[in-house]
Amino acid sequence: PSLIAALEKQTEVIDVDVMPLARHPLMVPARLVAMLEARKERGSAPWPKTAAWSSAVQRHLEQRGIFETETPILFVQSLIAATPPENVNYAIYTDRVALESASVGGRFSSKFSPEWLERERAFLKHARRVFVMGPSTRTALIDLYGLPSERISVVGAAPSPDLSGGCGVLGVGCAKTPSW
């Protein structure tokens, strides 16, 4: 909420929250397929971190026309693991990425299906810019994902980065073209 409030001071924000889709009646079949994909991983992958769920959410966003914009988009987190068309100008703001979280081990280790991980890799790779909360995530993006360092910015966890270039949250209308 604080990020959206900060963005709204700079530009028009169209907030598209994909989390409620998990309970949307029309998404039940997709959730079931995602649960089957997760089960294939012997229960180690949660269903939201499957390619089946990520693909279903992307189809929902495509049907809403989210990717049919020349306006830059800011995705908050890489969980969606979308694969927007190449002409979509987007950035990602995230705290951690899957391979970084998986490396911690133990019960807090991130789990995901291999297919979802490939979607996350592509999502991050094609982003014009990736904003992260800390230097460990920047290092993970360079070392584990092969992203060029010049496309990654450590901005912290507060909504304090310079937003004067204009940007927004998933499906946003920006007042200016961002510098990313």
N, C-alpha and C. Protein backbone atom coordinates (compact mmCIF):
# COMPACT_ATOMS: atom_id res chain seq x y z
N PRO A 1 0.80 -1.22 0.00
CA PRO A 1 0.00 0.00 0.00
C PRO A 1 0.84 1.28 0.00
N SER A 2 1.98 1.27 0.74
CA SER A 2 2.79 2.48 0.77
C SER A 2 3.46 2.73 -0.57
N LEU A 3 3.81 1.68 -1.29
CA LEU A 3 4.39 1.85 -2.61
C LEU A 3 3.37 2.47 -3.56
N ILE A 4 2.16 1.97 -3.52
CA ILE A 4 1.10 2.52 -4.38
C ILE A 4 0.85 3.98 -4.03
N ALA A 5 0.81 4.30 -2.75
CA ALA A 5 0.59 5.69 -2.32
C ALA A 5 1.70 6.60 -2.84
N ALA A 6 2.94 6.12 -2.78
CA ALA A 6 4.07 6.92 -3.28
C ALA A 6 3.97 7.09 -4.78
N LEU A 7 3.60 6.05 -5.49
CA LEU A 7 3.47 6.13 -6.94
C LEU A 7 2.34 7.07 -7.35
N GLU A 8 1.26 7.04 -6.59
CA GLU A 8 0.11 7.90 -6.92
C GLU A 8 0.45 9.38 -6.82
N LYS A 9 1.49 9.72 -6.08
CA LYS A 9 1.93 11.12 -6.01
C LYS A 9 2.63 11.54 -7.29
N GLN A 10 3.08 10.56 -8.08
CA GLN A 10 3.84 10.83 -9.29
C GLN A 10 3.05 10.63 -10.57
N THR A 11 2.09 9.68 -10.54
CA THR A 11 1.44 9.30 -11.77
C THR A 11 0.11 8.61 -11.47
N GLU A 12 -0.66 8.39 -12.49
CA GLU A 12 -1.89 7.62 -12.34
C GLU A 12 -1.51 6.16 -12.14
N VAL A 13 -2.14 5.52 -11.18
CA VAL A 13 -1.86 4.11 -10.90
C VAL A 13 -3.12 3.29 -11.10
N ILE A 14 -3.00 2.26 -11.86
CA ILE A 14 -4.07 1.28 -12.01
C ILE A 14 -3.54 0.02 -11.35
N ASP A 15 -4.00 -0.24 -10.15
CA ASP A 15 -3.51 -1.36 -9.35
C ASP A 15 -4.28 -2.62 -9.72
N VAL A 16 -3.57 -3.62 -10.19
CA VAL A 16 -4.18 -4.89 -10.54
C VAL A 16 -3.60 -5.93 -9.59
N ASP A 17 -4.37 -6.32 -8.61
CA ASP A 17 -3.92 -7.30 -7.63
C ASP A 17 -4.31 -8.68 -8.11
N VAL A 18 -3.33 -9.54 -8.36
CA VAL A 18 -3.62 -10.89 -8.87
C VAL A 18 -3.88 -11.90 -7.75
N MET A 19 -3.59 -11.53 -6.50
CA MET A 19 -3.77 -12.47 -5.40
C MET A 19 -5.22 -12.96 -5.24
N PRO A 20 -6.24 -12.09 -5.41
CA PRO A 20 -7.62 -12.58 -5.27
C PRO A 20 -8.01 -13.62 -6.32
N LEU A 21 -7.24 -13.73 -7.39
CA LEU A 21 -7.55 -14.73 -8.42
C LEU A 21 -7.51 -16.15 -7.86
N ALA A 22 -6.75 -16.34 -6.80
CA ALA A 22 -6.65 -17.68 -6.20
C ALA A 22 -8.01 -18.19 -5.74
N ARG A 23 -8.93 -17.27 -5.40
CA ARG A 23 -10.25 -17.68 -4.94
C ARG A 23 -11.35 -17.41 -5.97
N HIS A 24 -10.98 -16.91 -7.13
CA HIS A 24 -11.97 -16.59 -8.15
C HIS A 24 -12.56 -17.88 -8.73
N PRO A 25 -13.89 -17.99 -8.78
CA PRO A 25 -14.52 -19.23 -9.27
C PRO A 25 -14.08 -19.65 -10.68
N LEU A 26 -13.86 -18.68 -11.56
CA LEU A 26 -13.44 -19.03 -12.91
C LEU A 26 -12.01 -19.57 -12.98
N MET A 27 -11.24 -19.37 -11.91
CA MET A 27 -9.85 -19.84 -11.88
C MET A 27 -9.70 -21.19 -11.20
N VAL A 28 -10.81 -21.78 -10.73
CA VAL A 28 -10.74 -23.08 -10.04
C VAL A 28 -10.08 -24.15 -10.92
N PRO A 29 -10.47 -24.30 -12.19
CA PRO A 29 -9.79 -25.32 -13.01
C PRO A 29 -8.27 -25.10 -13.10
N ALA A 30 -7.87 -23.85 -13.26
CA ALA A 30 -6.44 -23.55 -13.34
C ALA A 30 -5.74 -23.88 -12.03
N ARG A 31 -6.41 -23.60 -10.93
CA ARG A 31 -5.83 -23.91 -9.62
C ARG A 31 -5.66 -25.42 -9.46
N LEU A 32 -6.64 -26.18 -9.91
CA LEU A 32 -6.54 -27.64 -9.83
C LEU A 32 -5.37 -28.17 -10.65
N VAL A 33 -5.21 -27.65 -11.86
CA VAL A 33 -4.09 -28.05 -12.70
C VAL A 33 -2.77 -27.68 -12.03
N ALA A 34 -2.72 -26.49 -11.41
CA ALA A 34 -1.52 -26.05 -10.70
C ALA A 34 -1.23 -26.97 -9.52
N MET A 35 -2.28 -27.40 -8.82
CA MET A 35 -2.08 -28.30 -7.70
C MET A 35 -1.54 -29.65 -8.16
N LEU A 36 -1.99 -30.11 -9.31
CA LEU A 36 -1.46 -31.36 -9.88
C LEU A 36 0.01 -31.20 -10.24
N GLU A 37 0.36 -30.06 -10.83
CA GLU A 37 1.77 -29.81 -11.16
C GLU A 37 2.61 -29.77 -9.88
N ALA A 38 2.10 -29.15 -8.84
CA ALA A 38 2.82 -29.08 -7.57
C ALA A 38 2.98 -30.48 -6.97
N ARG A 39 1.94 -31.28 -7.07
CA ARG A 39 2.00 -32.64 -6.53
C ARG A 39 3.06 -33.47 -7.26
N LYS A 40 3.22 -33.20 -8.54
CA LYS A 40 4.23 -33.89 -9.34
C LYS A 40 5.63 -33.69 -8.74
N GLU A 41 5.81 -32.57 -8.08
CA GLU A 41 7.08 -32.25 -7.42
C GLU A 41 7.11 -32.83 -6.00
N ARG A 42 6.29 -33.85 -5.76
CA ARG A 42 6.19 -34.53 -4.46
C ARG A 42 5.81 -33.56 -3.34
N GLY A 43 4.97 -32.60 -3.69
CA GLY A 43 4.48 -31.68 -2.68
C GLY A 43 5.47 -30.60 -2.28
N SER A 44 6.64 -30.58 -2.90
CA SER A 44 7.63 -29.59 -2.48
C SER A 44 7.38 -28.21 -3.07
N ALA A 45 6.63 -28.13 -4.14
CA ALA A 45 6.35 -26.83 -4.77
C ALA A 45 4.93 -26.39 -4.40
N PRO A 46 4.76 -25.16 -3.92
CA PRO A 46 3.40 -24.68 -3.69
C PRO A 46 2.73 -24.39 -5.03
N TRP A 47 1.44 -24.57 -5.10
CA TRP A 47 0.75 -24.42 -6.38
C TRP A 47 0.90 -23.04 -7.01
N PRO A 48 1.03 -21.92 -6.25
CA PRO A 48 1.23 -20.64 -6.93
C PRO A 48 2.58 -20.52 -7.65
N LYS A 49 3.51 -21.40 -7.32
CA LYS A 49 4.82 -21.38 -7.99
C LYS A 49 4.93 -22.55 -8.95
N THR A 50 3.88 -22.66 -9.79
CA THR A 50 3.88 -23.64 -10.88
C THR A 50 3.64 -22.90 -12.18
N ALA A 51 4.11 -23.49 -13.26
CA ALA A 51 3.90 -22.87 -14.57
C ALA A 51 2.42 -22.85 -14.92
N ALA A 52 1.67 -23.86 -14.46
CA ALA A 52 0.24 -23.90 -14.76
C ALA A 52 -0.47 -22.68 -14.18
N TRP A 53 -0.17 -22.33 -12.93
CA TRP A 53 -0.82 -21.17 -12.32
C TRP A 53 -0.34 -19.87 -12.96
N SER A 54 0.94 -19.76 -13.17
CA SER A 54 1.51 -18.57 -13.78
C SER A 54 0.90 -18.33 -15.17
N SER A 55 0.76 -19.39 -15.95
CA SER A 55 0.18 -19.28 -17.29
C SER A 55 -1.29 -18.85 -17.21
N ALA A 56 -2.01 -19.40 -16.25
CA ALA A 56 -3.43 -19.04 -16.09
C ALA A 56 -3.60 -17.58 -15.70
N VAL A 57 -2.76 -17.11 -14.79
CA VAL A 57 -2.83 -15.70 -14.39
C VAL A 57 -2.49 -14.81 -15.57
N GLN A 58 -1.49 -15.20 -16.33
CA GLN A 58 -1.13 -14.41 -17.51
C GLN A 58 -2.29 -14.36 -18.51
N ARG A 59 -2.94 -15.49 -18.75
CA ARG A 59 -4.09 -15.48 -19.66
C ARG A 59 -5.17 -14.53 -19.16
N HIS A 60 -5.40 -14.52 -17.86
CA HIS A 60 -6.39 -13.60 -17.27
C HIS A 60 -5.99 -12.15 -17.54
N LEU A 61 -4.73 -11.82 -17.33
CA LEU A 61 -4.25 -10.46 -17.57
C LEU A 61 -4.35 -10.09 -19.05
N GLU A 62 -4.03 -11.03 -19.92
CA GLU A 62 -4.14 -10.78 -21.37
C GLU A 62 -5.59 -10.51 -21.75
N GLN A 63 -6.52 -11.27 -21.19
CA GLN A 63 -7.94 -11.07 -21.48
C GLN A 63 -8.42 -9.69 -21.01
N ARG A 64 -7.80 -9.18 -19.95
CA ARG A 64 -8.14 -7.84 -19.44
C ARG A 64 -7.42 -6.74 -20.22
N GLY A 65 -6.53 -7.12 -21.15
CA GLY A 65 -5.83 -6.13 -21.96
C GLY A 65 -4.66 -5.46 -21.27
N ILE A 66 -4.18 -6.02 -20.18
CA ILE A 66 -3.10 -5.41 -19.41
C ILE A 66 -1.84 -5.21 -20.25
N PHE A 67 -1.54 -6.15 -21.13
CA PHE A 67 -0.31 -6.05 -21.92
C PHE A 67 -0.48 -5.27 -23.21
N GLU A 68 -1.69 -4.80 -23.48
CA GLU A 68 -1.97 -4.03 -24.69
C GLU A 68 -1.84 -2.54 -24.39
N THR A 69 -0.67 -2.14 -24.00
CA THR A 69 -0.44 -0.75 -23.64
C THR A 69 0.97 -0.34 -24.04
N GLU A 70 1.10 0.91 -24.36
CA GLU A 70 2.44 1.45 -24.58
C GLU A 70 2.97 2.02 -23.28
N THR A 71 2.12 2.05 -22.29
CA THR A 71 2.48 2.57 -20.97
C THR A 71 3.37 1.55 -20.26
N PRO A 72 4.45 2.01 -19.67
CA PRO A 72 5.31 1.09 -18.91
C PRO A 72 4.56 0.45 -17.73
N ILE A 73 4.95 -0.75 -17.41
CA ILE A 73 4.33 -1.51 -16.33
C ILE A 73 5.40 -1.84 -15.29
N LEU A 74 5.03 -1.71 -14.03
CA LEU A 74 5.90 -2.15 -12.94
C LEU A 74 5.22 -3.32 -12.26
N PHE A 75 5.85 -4.48 -12.30
CA PHE A 75 5.36 -5.66 -11.60
C PHE A 75 5.99 -5.67 -10.22
N VAL A 76 5.19 -5.91 -9.21
CA VAL A 76 5.71 -6.02 -7.85
C VAL A 76 5.82 -7.52 -7.55
N GLN A 77 7.05 -7.97 -7.40
CA GLN A 77 7.44 -9.36 -7.18
C GLN A 77 7.54 -10.12 -8.51
N SER A 78 8.31 -11.20 -8.47
CA SER A 78 8.47 -12.03 -9.66
C SER A 78 7.58 -13.25 -9.62
N LEU A 79 6.76 -13.39 -8.58
CA LEU A 79 5.90 -14.56 -8.41
C LEU A 79 5.00 -14.81 -9.62
N ILE A 80 4.52 -13.77 -10.25
CA ILE A 80 3.64 -13.93 -11.39
C ILE A 80 4.34 -14.65 -12.55
N ALA A 81 5.66 -14.49 -12.67
CA ALA A 81 6.45 -15.16 -13.69
C ALA A 81 5.76 -15.11 -15.06
N ALA A 82 5.33 -13.93 -15.44
CA ALA A 82 4.64 -13.73 -16.71
C ALA A 82 5.64 -13.70 -17.85
N THR A 83 5.13 -13.85 -19.04
CA THR A 83 5.96 -13.70 -20.23
C THR A 83 5.27 -12.71 -21.16
N PRO A 84 5.35 -11.41 -20.81
CA PRO A 84 4.69 -10.40 -21.65
C PRO A 84 5.28 -10.39 -23.06
N PRO A 85 4.50 -9.93 -24.02
CA PRO A 85 5.03 -9.80 -25.38
C PRO A 85 6.29 -8.92 -25.38
N GLU A 86 7.17 -9.15 -26.35
CA GLU A 86 8.45 -8.44 -26.40
C GLU A 86 8.32 -6.93 -26.45
N ASN A 87 7.23 -6.42 -27.00
CA ASN A 87 7.07 -4.96 -27.12
C ASN A 87 6.61 -4.30 -25.82
N VAL A 88 6.32 -5.07 -24.78
CA VAL A 88 5.86 -4.50 -23.52
C VAL A 88 7.06 -4.01 -22.71
N ASN A 89 7.00 -2.75 -22.34
CA ASN A 89 8.05 -2.11 -21.54
C ASN A 89 7.70 -2.32 -20.07
N TYR A 90 8.47 -3.19 -19.40
CA TYR A 90 8.16 -3.44 -18.01
C TYR A 90 9.41 -3.54 -17.16
N ALA A 91 9.18 -3.31 -15.87
CA ALA A 91 10.22 -3.46 -14.86
C ALA A 91 9.63 -4.30 -13.73
N ILE A 92 10.50 -4.79 -12.88
CA ILE A 92 10.08 -5.61 -11.75
C ILE A 92 10.70 -5.04 -10.49
N TYR A 93 9.91 -4.94 -9.43
CA TYR A 93 10.39 -4.54 -8.11
C TYR A 93 10.17 -5.75 -7.20
N THR A 94 11.24 -6.29 -6.62
CA THR A 94 11.10 -7.50 -5.83
C THR A 94 12.04 -7.52 -4.63
N ASP A 95 11.67 -8.30 -3.64
CA ASP A 95 12.55 -8.45 -2.48
C ASP A 95 13.55 -9.57 -2.70
N ARG A 96 13.10 -10.71 -3.15
CA ARG A 96 13.99 -11.85 -3.43
C ARG A 96 13.48 -12.57 -4.66
N VAL A 97 14.38 -13.32 -5.25
CA VAL A 97 14.02 -14.16 -6.39
C VAL A 97 14.15 -15.62 -5.95
N ALA A 98 13.54 -16.51 -6.70
CA ALA A 98 13.41 -17.91 -6.28
C ALA A 98 14.74 -18.58 -5.98
N LEU A 99 15.71 -18.46 -6.85
CA LEU A 99 16.98 -19.17 -6.63
C LEU A 99 17.73 -18.63 -5.42
N GLU A 100 17.57 -17.36 -5.13
CA GLU A 100 18.18 -16.79 -3.93
C GLU A 100 17.52 -17.38 -2.69
N SER A 101 16.21 -17.43 -2.68
CA SER A 101 15.49 -17.97 -1.53
C SER A 101 15.69 -19.47 -1.39
N ALA A 102 15.86 -20.17 -2.50
CA ALA A 102 16.10 -21.61 -2.45
C ALA A 102 17.44 -21.93 -1.82
N SER A 103 18.39 -21.02 -1.94
CA SER A 103 19.74 -21.28 -1.44
C SER A 103 19.85 -21.20 0.07
N VAL A 104 18.84 -20.65 0.76
CA VAL A 104 18.93 -20.54 2.21
C VAL A 104 18.75 -21.88 2.90
N GLY A 105 18.09 -22.83 2.25
CA GLY A 105 17.89 -24.14 2.85
C GLY A 105 16.91 -24.10 4.00
N GLY A 106 16.66 -25.25 4.57
CA GLY A 106 15.78 -25.33 5.72
C GLY A 106 14.33 -25.09 5.37
N ARG A 107 13.54 -24.85 6.38
CA ARG A 107 12.10 -24.72 6.16
C ARG A 107 11.70 -23.43 5.47
N PHE A 108 12.58 -22.42 5.43
CA PHE A 108 12.26 -21.16 4.76
C PHE A 108 12.77 -21.12 3.32
N SER A 109 13.28 -22.23 2.86
CA SER A 109 13.79 -22.31 1.49
C SER A 109 12.63 -22.23 0.50
N SER A 110 12.81 -21.45 -0.54
CA SER A 110 11.79 -21.32 -1.58
C SER A 110 11.71 -22.59 -2.40
N LYS A 111 10.49 -22.98 -2.73
CA LYS A 111 10.27 -24.17 -3.56
C LYS A 111 9.39 -23.76 -4.74
N PHE A 112 9.58 -24.45 -5.85
CA PHE A 112 8.89 -24.10 -7.09
C PHE A 112 9.05 -25.25 -8.05
N SER A 113 8.18 -25.29 -9.07
CA SER A 113 8.34 -26.31 -10.10
C SER A 113 9.42 -25.85 -11.07
N PRO A 114 10.12 -26.78 -11.71
CA PRO A 114 11.15 -26.39 -12.68
C PRO A 114 10.58 -25.54 -13.82
N GLU A 115 9.35 -25.83 -14.22
CA GLU A 115 8.72 -25.07 -15.31
C GLU A 115 8.45 -23.63 -14.88
N TRP A 116 8.02 -23.46 -13.61
CA TRP A 116 7.80 -22.11 -13.10
C TRP A 116 9.12 -21.35 -13.05
N LEU A 117 10.19 -22.01 -12.62
CA LEU A 117 11.50 -21.36 -12.55
C LEU A 117 11.92 -20.85 -13.93
N GLU A 118 11.67 -21.63 -14.96
CA GLU A 118 12.00 -21.17 -16.32
C GLU A 118 11.19 -19.94 -16.70
N ARG A 119 9.93 -19.88 -16.28
CA ARG A 119 9.11 -18.70 -16.54
C ARG A 119 9.66 -17.50 -15.77
N GLU A 120 10.06 -17.71 -14.50
CA GLU A 120 10.61 -16.60 -13.73
C GLU A 120 11.89 -16.09 -14.37
N ARG A 121 12.74 -17.01 -14.82
CA ARG A 121 14.00 -16.62 -15.49
C ARG A 121 13.71 -15.73 -16.71
N ALA A 122 12.76 -16.15 -17.54
CA ALA A 122 12.42 -15.38 -18.74
C ALA A 122 11.82 -14.03 -18.36
N PHE A 123 10.96 -14.02 -17.35
CA PHE A 123 10.32 -12.79 -16.87
C PHE A 123 11.38 -11.78 -16.45
N LEU A 124 12.34 -12.22 -15.66
CA LEU A 124 13.42 -11.35 -15.20
C LEU A 124 14.34 -10.94 -16.35
N LYS A 125 14.66 -11.88 -17.20
CA LYS A 125 15.58 -11.62 -18.31
C LYS A 125 15.06 -10.53 -19.26
N HIS A 126 13.76 -10.54 -19.49
CA HIS A 126 13.20 -9.60 -20.46
C HIS A 126 12.75 -8.27 -19.87
N ALA A 127 12.83 -8.15 -18.56
CA ALA A 127 12.48 -6.87 -17.91
C ALA A 127 13.51 -5.81 -18.30
N ARG A 128 13.05 -4.61 -18.57
CA ARG A 128 13.99 -3.54 -18.91
C ARG A 128 14.83 -3.16 -17.70
N ARG A 129 14.24 -3.33 -16.52
CA ARG A 129 14.92 -2.96 -15.27
C ARG A 129 14.38 -3.84 -14.15
N VAL A 130 15.25 -4.19 -13.21
CA VAL A 130 14.83 -4.93 -12.02
C VAL A 130 15.29 -4.13 -10.81
N PHE A 131 14.32 -3.72 -10.00
CA PHE A 131 14.59 -2.98 -8.77
C PHE A 131 14.51 -3.98 -7.62
N VAL A 132 15.53 -3.99 -6.77
CA VAL A 132 15.56 -4.95 -5.67
C VAL A 132 15.72 -4.24 -4.34
N MET A 133 15.37 -4.95 -3.28
CA MET A 133 15.43 -4.36 -1.95
C MET A 133 16.82 -4.39 -1.34
N GLY A 134 17.65 -5.35 -1.75
CA GLY A 134 18.96 -5.45 -1.14
C GLY A 134 20.03 -5.98 -2.07
N PRO A 135 21.28 -5.81 -1.68
CA PRO A 135 22.40 -6.22 -2.52
C PRO A 135 22.50 -7.73 -2.74
N SER A 136 21.99 -8.55 -1.81
CA SER A 136 22.08 -10.00 -2.02
C SER A 136 21.22 -10.42 -3.21
N THR A 137 20.10 -9.76 -3.41
CA THR A 137 19.24 -10.09 -4.55
C THR A 137 19.90 -9.63 -5.85
N ARG A 138 20.56 -8.49 -5.82
CA ARG A 138 21.30 -8.02 -6.99
C ARG A 138 22.36 -9.05 -7.38
N THR A 139 23.10 -9.54 -6.39
CA THR A 139 24.13 -10.55 -6.64
C THR A 139 23.52 -11.82 -7.21
N ALA A 140 22.39 -12.25 -6.65
CA ALA A 140 21.72 -13.46 -7.15
C ALA A 140 21.28 -13.29 -8.60
N LEU A 141 20.76 -12.12 -8.94
CA LEU A 141 20.32 -11.88 -10.31
C LEU A 141 21.49 -11.94 -11.29
N ILE A 142 22.63 -11.45 -10.87
CA ILE A 142 23.82 -11.48 -11.73
C ILE A 142 24.39 -12.89 -11.81
N ASP A 143 24.63 -13.50 -10.63
CA ASP A 143 25.32 -14.79 -10.57
C ASP A 143 24.44 -15.98 -10.96
N LEU A 144 23.18 -15.98 -10.54
CA LEU A 144 22.32 -17.14 -10.74
C LEU A 144 21.39 -17.02 -11.96
N TYR A 145 21.11 -15.79 -12.38
CA TYR A 145 20.20 -15.58 -13.50
C TYR A 145 20.89 -15.00 -14.73
N GLY A 146 22.11 -14.52 -14.55
CA GLY A 146 22.85 -13.97 -15.68
C GLY A 146 22.37 -12.62 -16.17
N LEU A 147 21.71 -11.84 -15.31
CA LEU A 147 21.27 -10.51 -15.72
C LEU A 147 22.44 -9.54 -15.70
N PRO A 148 22.49 -8.63 -16.66
CA PRO A 148 23.56 -7.62 -16.65
C PRO A 148 23.38 -6.66 -15.47
N SER A 149 24.46 -6.34 -14.81
CA SER A 149 24.40 -5.51 -13.60
C SER A 149 23.79 -4.14 -13.86
N GLU A 150 23.96 -3.60 -15.05
CA GLU A 150 23.44 -2.25 -15.32
C GLU A 150 21.91 -2.21 -15.39
N ARG A 151 21.25 -3.35 -15.44
CA ARG A 151 19.78 -3.36 -15.46
C ARG A 151 19.19 -3.61 -14.08
N ILE A 152 20.03 -3.67 -13.05
CA ILE A 152 19.57 -3.97 -11.69
C ILE A 152 19.90 -2.78 -10.79
N SER A 153 18.92 -2.34 -10.01
CA SER A 153 19.12 -1.24 -9.06
C SER A 153 18.66 -1.66 -7.68
N VAL A 154 19.51 -1.44 -6.69
CA VAL A 154 19.13 -1.68 -5.30
C VAL A 154 18.47 -0.40 -4.80
N VAL A 155 17.18 -0.49 -4.46
CA VAL A 155 16.43 0.69 -4.06
C VAL A 155 15.89 0.60 -2.64
N GLY A 156 16.06 -0.51 -1.98
CA GLY A 156 15.58 -0.65 -0.62
C GLY A 156 14.13 -1.08 -0.56
N ALA A 157 13.60 -1.12 0.65
CA ALA A 157 12.25 -1.63 0.87
C ALA A 157 11.21 -0.53 1.03
N ALA A 158 11.63 0.69 1.14
CA ALA A 158 10.67 1.79 1.31
C ALA A 158 10.33 2.38 -0.05
N PRO A 159 9.17 3.03 -0.14
CA PRO A 159 8.81 3.64 -1.42
C PRO A 159 9.54 4.97 -1.62
N SER A 160 10.87 4.93 -1.55
CA SER A 160 11.63 6.16 -1.63
C SER A 160 12.48 6.32 -2.88
N PRO A 161 12.46 5.37 -3.83
CA PRO A 161 13.28 5.59 -5.00
C PRO A 161 12.79 6.79 -5.81
N ASP A 162 13.68 7.35 -6.60
CA ASP A 162 13.32 8.48 -7.44
C ASP A 162 12.32 8.01 -8.49
N LEU A 163 11.11 8.51 -8.40
CA LEU A 163 10.07 8.12 -9.33
C LEU A 163 9.77 9.22 -10.34
N SER A 164 10.65 10.19 -10.42
CA SER A 164 10.38 11.34 -11.29
C SER A 164 10.30 10.96 -12.76
N GLY A 165 10.86 9.81 -13.12
CA GLY A 165 10.76 9.36 -14.50
C GLY A 165 9.40 8.78 -14.82
N GLY A 166 8.57 8.60 -13.82
CA GLY A 166 7.25 8.02 -14.02
C GLY A 166 7.32 6.51 -14.06
N CYS A 167 6.45 5.87 -13.38
CA CYS A 167 6.32 4.42 -13.44
C CYS A 167 5.03 4.05 -12.77
N GLY A 168 4.77 2.79 -12.60
CA GLY A 168 3.54 2.42 -11.96
C GLY A 168 3.50 0.96 -11.60
N VAL A 169 2.38 0.53 -11.12
CA VAL A 169 2.20 -0.83 -10.67
C VAL A 169 1.35 -1.58 -11.67
N LEU A 170 1.72 -2.77 -11.99
CA LEU A 170 1.04 -3.70 -12.88
C LEU A 170 -0.21 -3.11 -13.55
N GLY A 171 -0.08 -2.73 -14.78
CA GLY A 171 -1.19 -2.16 -15.51
C GLY A 171 -1.36 -0.68 -15.28
N VAL A 172 -0.28 0.02 -15.07
CA VAL A 172 -0.33 1.41 -14.66
C VAL A 172 -0.35 2.35 -15.84
N GLY A 173 -0.94 3.52 -15.66
CA GLY A 173 -0.84 4.59 -16.63
C GLY A 173 0.21 5.56 -16.15
N CYS A 174 1.28 5.74 -16.89
CA CYS A 174 2.37 6.61 -16.44
C CYS A 174 2.27 7.98 -17.11
N ALA A 175 2.64 8.98 -16.36
CA ALA A 175 2.60 10.34 -16.88
C ALA A 175 3.77 10.62 -17.80
N LYS A 176 4.89 9.99 -17.56
CA LYS A 176 6.09 10.20 -18.35
C LYS A 176 6.70 8.85 -18.70
N THR A 177 7.59 8.83 -19.65
CA THR A 177 8.30 7.59 -19.96
C THR A 177 9.40 7.40 -18.96
N PRO A 178 9.39 6.26 -18.26
CA PRO A 178 10.44 6.04 -17.26
C PRO A 178 11.80 5.89 -17.92
N SER A 179 12.82 6.12 -17.12
CA SER A 179 14.18 6.04 -17.63
C SER A 179 14.68 4.63 -17.77
N TRP A 180 13.89 3.63 -17.32
CA TRP A 180 14.41 2.28 -17.47
C TRP A 180 14.31 1.88 -18.90
